[in-house]
C-alpha atoms as a PDB file:
ATOM      1  CA  MET A   1      55.954 218.317  77.575  1.00  0.00           C
ATOM      2  CA  ALA A   2      52.420 219.120  78.683  1.00  0.00           C
ATOM      3  CA  ASN A   3      53.680 222.146  80.634  1.00  0.00           C
ATOM      4  CA  PRO A   4      56.365 223.856  78.540  1.00  0.00           C
ATOM      5  CA  THR A   5      58.767 226.269  80.201  1.00  0.00           C
ATOM      6  CA  PRO A   6      58.003 229.875  79.227  1.00  0.00           C
ATOM      7  CA  VAL A   7      60.604 231.808  77.286  1.00  0.00           C
ATOM      8  CA  GLU A   8      60.704 234.535  79.924  1.00  0.00           C
ATOM      9  CA  PRO A   9      60.419 233.103  83.450  1.00  0.00           C
ATOM     10  CA  ASP A  10      59.229 236.459  84.838  1.00  0.00           C
ATOM     11  CA  HIS A  11      55.874 236.213  83.067  1.00  0.00           C
ATOM     12  CA  SER A  12      53.206 233.795  84.229  1.00  0.00           C
ATOM     13  CA  ALA A  13      53.097 230.634  82.166  1.00  0.00           C
ATOM     14  CA  HIS A  14      49.911 229.543  80.428  1.00  0.00           C
ATOM     15  CA  ILE A  15      49.306 226.024  81.727  1.00  0.00           C
ATOM     16  CA  GLU A  16      47.475 223.760  79.295  1.00  0.00           C
ATOM     17  CA  LYS A  17      44.645 221.737  80.820  1.00  0.00           C
ATOM     18  CA  ASP A  18      44.747 218.078  79.933  1.00  0.00           C
ATOM     19  CA  ALA A  19      41.643 216.784  78.153  1.00  0.00           C
ATOM     20  CA  VAL A  20      41.435 213.721  80.400  1.00  0.00           C
ATOM     21  CA  GLU A  21      41.612 215.831  83.567  1.00  0.00           C
ATOM     22  CA  GLY A  22      38.641 217.848  82.318  1.00  0.00           C
ATOM     23  CA  ILE A  23      36.471 214.748  81.943  1.00  0.00           C
ATOM     24  CA  VAL A  24      37.525 212.582  84.891  1.00  0.00           C
ATOM     25  CA  HIS A  25      35.324 214.348  87.458  1.00  0.00           C
ATOM     26  CA  LEU A  26      32.216 213.516  85.392  1.00  0.00           C
ATOM     27  CA  MET A  27      32.902 209.770  85.210  1.00  0.00           C
ATOM     28  CA  PRO A  28      30.990 208.766  88.396  1.00  0.00           C
ATOM     29  CA  ILE A  29      27.864 210.333  86.874  1.00  0.00           C
ATOM     30  CA  VAL A  30      28.267 209.489  83.197  1.00  0.00           C
ATOM     31  CA  LEU A  31      29.244 205.814  83.473  1.00  0.00           C
ATOM     32  CA  PRO A  32      26.213 204.632  85.504  1.00  0.00           C
ATOM     33  CA  LEU A  33      23.853 206.643  83.292  1.00  0.00           C
ATOM     34  CA  ALA A  34      25.382 205.194  80.142  1.00  0.00           C
ATOM     35  CA  GLY A  35      25.190 201.700  81.652  1.00  0.00           C
ATOM     36  CA  GLY A  36      21.530 202.198  82.521  1.00  0.00           C
ATOM     37  CA  VAL A  37      20.676 203.387  79.031  1.00  0.00           C
ATOM     38  CA  LEU A  38      22.571 200.490  77.478  1.00  0.00           C
ATOM     39  CA  MET A  39      20.786 197.958  79.710  1.00  0.00           C
ATOM     40  CA  LEU A  40      17.415 199.502  78.850  1.00  0.00           C
ATOM     41  CA  LEU A  41      18.152 199.321  75.131  1.00  0.00           C
ATOM     42  CA  LEU A  42      19.366 195.735  75.330  1.00  0.00           C
ATOM     43  CA  ALA A  43      16.347 194.678  77.414  1.00  0.00           C
ATOM     44  CA  SER A  44      13.947 196.308  74.961  1.00  0.00           C
ATOM     45  CA  ILE A  45      15.643 194.563  72.055  1.00  0.00           C
ATOM     46  CA  ALA A  46      15.451 191.219  73.912  1.00  0.00           C
ATOM     47  CA  ILE A  47      11.744 191.706  74.628  1.00  0.00           C
ATOM     48  CA  TYR A  48      11.103 192.710  71.011  1.00  0.00           C
ATOM     49  CA  LEU A  49      12.836 189.596  69.693  1.00  0.00           C
ATOM     50  CA  ALA A  50      11.200 187.208  72.203  1.00  0.00           C
END
């Protein structure tokens, strides 16, 4: 039911954009950056505790 049928088929239907589809194209950039930041934080904590 993500794309409901319009009441009047003659008019163009407003197609809802899925939230996941809006984010998926950013994943190859966001995931490595987040992993790098997490590794940096964990390494700094390990050095601080050593």
